[in-house]
């Protein structure tokens, strides 16, 4: 089984945790390839979402929301 292990963040985005590569070297083209959420982080957001949230709340420059 070819797996890409992901962490689901509070903001709804995913973070790559670890990759198990396909032994046939097909990687994501392999018919057995799957994305598997191995961990859910209910308190962490990705850096981009943190910047956008900070800008909308006045903690950061509004120009950062255009990332």
N, C-alpha and C. Protein backbone atom coordinates (compact mmCIF):
# COMPACT_ATOMS: atom_id res chain seq x y z
N UNK A 1 0.85 -1.18 0.00
CA UNK A 1 0.00 0.00 0.00
C UNK A 1 0.90 1.24 0.00
N UNK A 2 0.58 2.18 -0.86
CA UNK A 2 1.33 3.42 -0.95
C UNK A 2 0.56 4.51 -0.19
N UNK A 3 1.17 5.08 0.81
CA UNK A 3 0.49 6.04 1.67
C UNK A 3 1.19 7.38 1.71
N UNK A 4 0.41 8.43 1.80
CA UNK A 4 0.94 9.74 2.13
C UNK A 4 0.23 10.13 3.42
N UNK A 5 0.98 10.23 4.49
CA UNK A 5 0.39 10.51 5.80
C UNK A 5 0.28 12.01 6.00
N UNK A 6 -0.90 12.44 6.39
CA UNK A 6 -1.18 13.86 6.53
C UNK A 6 -1.64 14.18 7.94
N UNK A 7 -1.44 15.43 8.32
CA UNK A 7 -1.98 15.97 9.56
C UNK A 7 -3.01 17.01 9.18
N UNK A 8 -4.23 16.88 9.69
CA UNK A 8 -5.27 17.86 9.41
C UNK A 8 -5.20 18.95 10.47
N UNK A 9 -5.08 20.20 10.03
CA UNK A 9 -4.96 21.34 10.93
C UNK A 9 -6.31 21.97 11.20
N UNK A 10 -6.35 22.79 12.26
CA UNK A 10 -7.59 23.45 12.66
C UNK A 10 -8.17 24.31 11.55
N UNK A 11 -7.32 24.91 10.72
CA UNK A 11 -7.77 25.81 9.66
C UNK A 11 -8.37 25.05 8.48
N UNK A 12 -8.30 23.72 8.50
CA UNK A 12 -8.87 22.92 7.41
C UNK A 12 -7.84 22.48 6.39
N UNK A 13 -6.63 23.02 6.46
CA UNK A 13 -5.57 22.60 5.55
C UNK A 13 -4.86 21.37 6.10
N UNK A 14 -4.01 20.80 5.27
CA UNK A 14 -3.29 19.59 5.64
C UNK A 14 -1.79 19.83 5.60
N UNK A 15 -1.09 19.09 6.41
CA UNK A 15 0.37 19.18 6.49
C UNK A 15 0.93 17.79 6.25
N UNK A 16 1.91 17.70 5.37
CA UNK A 16 2.54 16.41 5.08
C UNK A 16 3.30 15.94 6.31
N UNK A 17 3.01 14.73 6.72
CA UNK A 17 3.65 14.17 7.91
C UNK A 17 4.79 13.24 7.54
N UNK A 18 4.53 12.36 6.61
CA UNK A 18 5.53 11.38 6.19
C UNK A 18 5.04 10.73 4.91
N UNK A 19 5.93 10.36 4.07
CA UNK A 19 5.52 9.70 2.81
C UNK A 19 6.12 8.31 2.75
N UNK A 20 5.30 7.33 2.43
CA UNK A 20 5.77 5.97 2.14
C UNK A 20 5.70 5.82 0.64
N UNK A 21 6.84 5.69 0.01
CA UNK A 21 6.87 5.68 -1.45
C UNK A 21 6.54 4.30 -2.00
N UNK A 22 5.92 4.33 -3.14
CA UNK A 22 5.51 3.11 -3.82
C UNK A 22 6.75 2.32 -4.26
N UNK A 23 6.80 1.03 -3.97
CA UNK A 23 7.96 0.23 -4.37
C UNK A 23 8.11 0.13 -5.89
N UNK A 24 7.02 0.35 -6.62
CA UNK A 24 7.12 0.28 -8.08
C UNK A 24 7.56 1.60 -8.68
N UNK A 25 7.84 2.60 -7.85
CA UNK A 25 8.32 3.93 -8.26
C UNK A 25 7.27 4.74 -9.02
N UNK A 26 6.00 4.36 -8.93
CA UNK A 26 4.94 5.11 -9.60
C UNK A 26 4.43 6.26 -8.74
N UNK A 27 4.70 6.18 -7.45
CA UNK A 27 4.27 7.19 -6.48
C UNK A 27 2.78 7.49 -6.62
N UNK A 28 2.40 8.74 -6.88
CA UNK A 28 0.99 9.11 -6.90
C UNK A 28 0.21 8.52 -8.07
N UNK A 29 0.88 7.95 -9.04
CA UNK A 29 0.20 7.30 -10.16
C UNK A 29 -0.19 5.86 -9.83
N UNK A 30 0.32 5.36 -8.75
CA UNK A 30 0.03 3.98 -8.34
C UNK A 30 -1.46 3.85 -8.01
N UNK A 31 -2.12 2.81 -8.52
CA UNK A 31 -3.56 2.63 -8.23
C UNK A 31 -3.84 2.38 -6.75
N UNK A 32 -2.84 1.99 -5.98
CA UNK A 32 -3.01 1.72 -4.55
C UNK A 32 -2.69 2.94 -3.69
N UNK A 33 -2.32 4.06 -4.32
CA UNK A 33 -1.88 5.24 -3.58
C UNK A 33 -3.05 5.88 -2.85
N UNK A 34 -2.86 6.21 -1.57
CA UNK A 34 -3.92 6.84 -0.77
C UNK A 34 -3.34 7.94 0.10
N UNK A 35 -4.19 8.94 0.36
CA UNK A 35 -3.87 9.96 1.35
C UNK A 35 -4.56 9.53 2.65
N UNK A 36 -3.81 9.47 3.73
CA UNK A 36 -4.36 9.02 5.00
C UNK A 36 -4.10 10.08 6.06
N UNK A 37 -5.16 10.53 6.71
CA UNK A 37 -5.02 11.48 7.81
C UNK A 37 -4.67 10.67 9.05
N UNK A 38 -3.46 10.88 9.56
CA UNK A 38 -3.01 10.12 10.72
C UNK A 38 -3.15 10.91 12.01
N UNK A 39 -3.35 12.21 11.91
CA UNK A 39 -3.40 13.05 13.11
C UNK A 39 -4.29 14.25 12.83
N UNK A 40 -5.06 14.67 13.81
CA UNK A 40 -5.88 15.87 13.69
C UNK A 40 -5.44 16.83 14.78
N UNK A 41 -4.96 18.02 14.36
CA UNK A 41 -4.50 19.05 15.29
C UNK A 41 -5.58 20.11 15.40
N UNK A 42 -6.33 20.10 16.47
CA UNK A 42 -7.43 21.04 16.63
C UNK A 42 -6.98 22.40 17.17
N UNK A 43 -5.71 22.55 17.45
CA UNK A 43 -5.22 23.82 17.99
C UNK A 43 -4.21 24.50 17.06
N UNK A 44 -3.80 23.84 15.97
CA UNK A 44 -2.80 24.41 15.06
C UNK A 44 -3.40 24.80 13.73
N UNK A 45 -2.95 25.93 13.20
CA UNK A 45 -3.31 26.37 11.85
C UNK A 45 -2.03 26.52 11.04
N UNK A 46 -2.17 26.53 9.71
CA UNK A 46 -0.99 26.73 8.86
C UNK A 46 -0.54 28.19 8.95
N UNK A 47 0.68 28.47 8.55
CA UNK A 47 1.25 29.81 8.68
C UNK A 47 0.46 30.85 7.90
N UNK A 48 -0.01 30.50 6.70
CA UNK A 48 -0.76 31.45 5.88
C UNK A 48 -2.08 31.83 6.56
N UNK A 49 -2.78 30.86 7.10
CA UNK A 49 -4.05 31.15 7.77
C UNK A 49 -3.82 31.97 9.04
N UNK A 50 -2.70 31.74 9.73
CA UNK A 50 -2.39 32.54 10.91
C UNK A 50 -2.17 34.00 10.52
N UNK A 51 -1.47 34.23 9.40
CA UNK A 51 -1.23 35.60 8.95
C UNK A 51 -2.54 36.30 8.56
N UNK A 52 -3.39 35.60 7.84
CA UNK A 52 -4.67 36.17 7.41
C UNK A 52 -5.52 36.49 8.63
N UNK A 53 -5.59 35.58 9.56
CA UNK A 53 -6.38 35.80 10.78
C UNK A 53 -5.81 36.97 11.58
N UNK A 54 -4.49 37.03 11.68
CA UNK A 54 -3.86 38.13 12.41
C UNK A 54 -4.14 39.46 11.75
N UNK A 55 -4.14 39.50 10.43
CA UNK A 55 -4.40 40.75 9.71
C UNK A 55 -5.85 41.19 9.87
N UNK A 56 -6.77 40.24 9.86
CA UNK A 56 -8.18 40.62 9.99
C UNK A 56 -8.51 41.05 11.42
N UNK A 57 -7.71 40.60 12.38
CA UNK A 57 -7.95 40.99 13.78
C UNK A 57 -7.11 42.18 14.19
N UNK A 58 -6.27 42.69 13.28
CA UNK A 58 -5.46 43.86 13.58
C UNK A 58 -4.11 43.57 14.21
N UNK A 59 -3.69 42.31 14.25
CA UNK A 59 -2.40 41.95 14.85
C UNK A 59 -1.26 42.02 13.85
N UNK A 60 -1.58 42.05 12.56
CA UNK A 60 -0.55 42.03 11.52
C UNK A 60 -0.95 43.00 10.42
N UNK A 61 -0.05 43.22 9.51
CA UNK A 61 -0.29 44.13 8.40
C UNK A 61 -1.39 43.59 7.49
N UNK A 62 -2.36 44.44 7.08
CA UNK A 62 -3.42 44.00 6.17
C UNK A 62 -2.86 43.53 4.83
N UNK A 63 -1.67 43.97 4.44
CA UNK A 63 -1.07 43.52 3.19
C UNK A 63 -0.76 42.05 3.19
N UNK A 64 -0.64 41.44 4.34
CA UNK A 64 -0.33 40.00 4.43
C UNK A 64 -1.51 39.14 4.00
N UNK A 65 -2.71 39.69 3.96
CA UNK A 65 -3.87 38.89 3.57
C UNK A 65 -3.86 38.57 2.09
N UNK A 66 -3.00 39.19 1.32
CA UNK A 66 -2.95 38.98 -0.13
C UNK A 66 -1.97 37.89 -0.52
N UNK A 67 -1.53 37.08 0.43
CA UNK A 67 -0.59 35.99 0.14
C UNK A 67 -1.17 35.01 -0.76
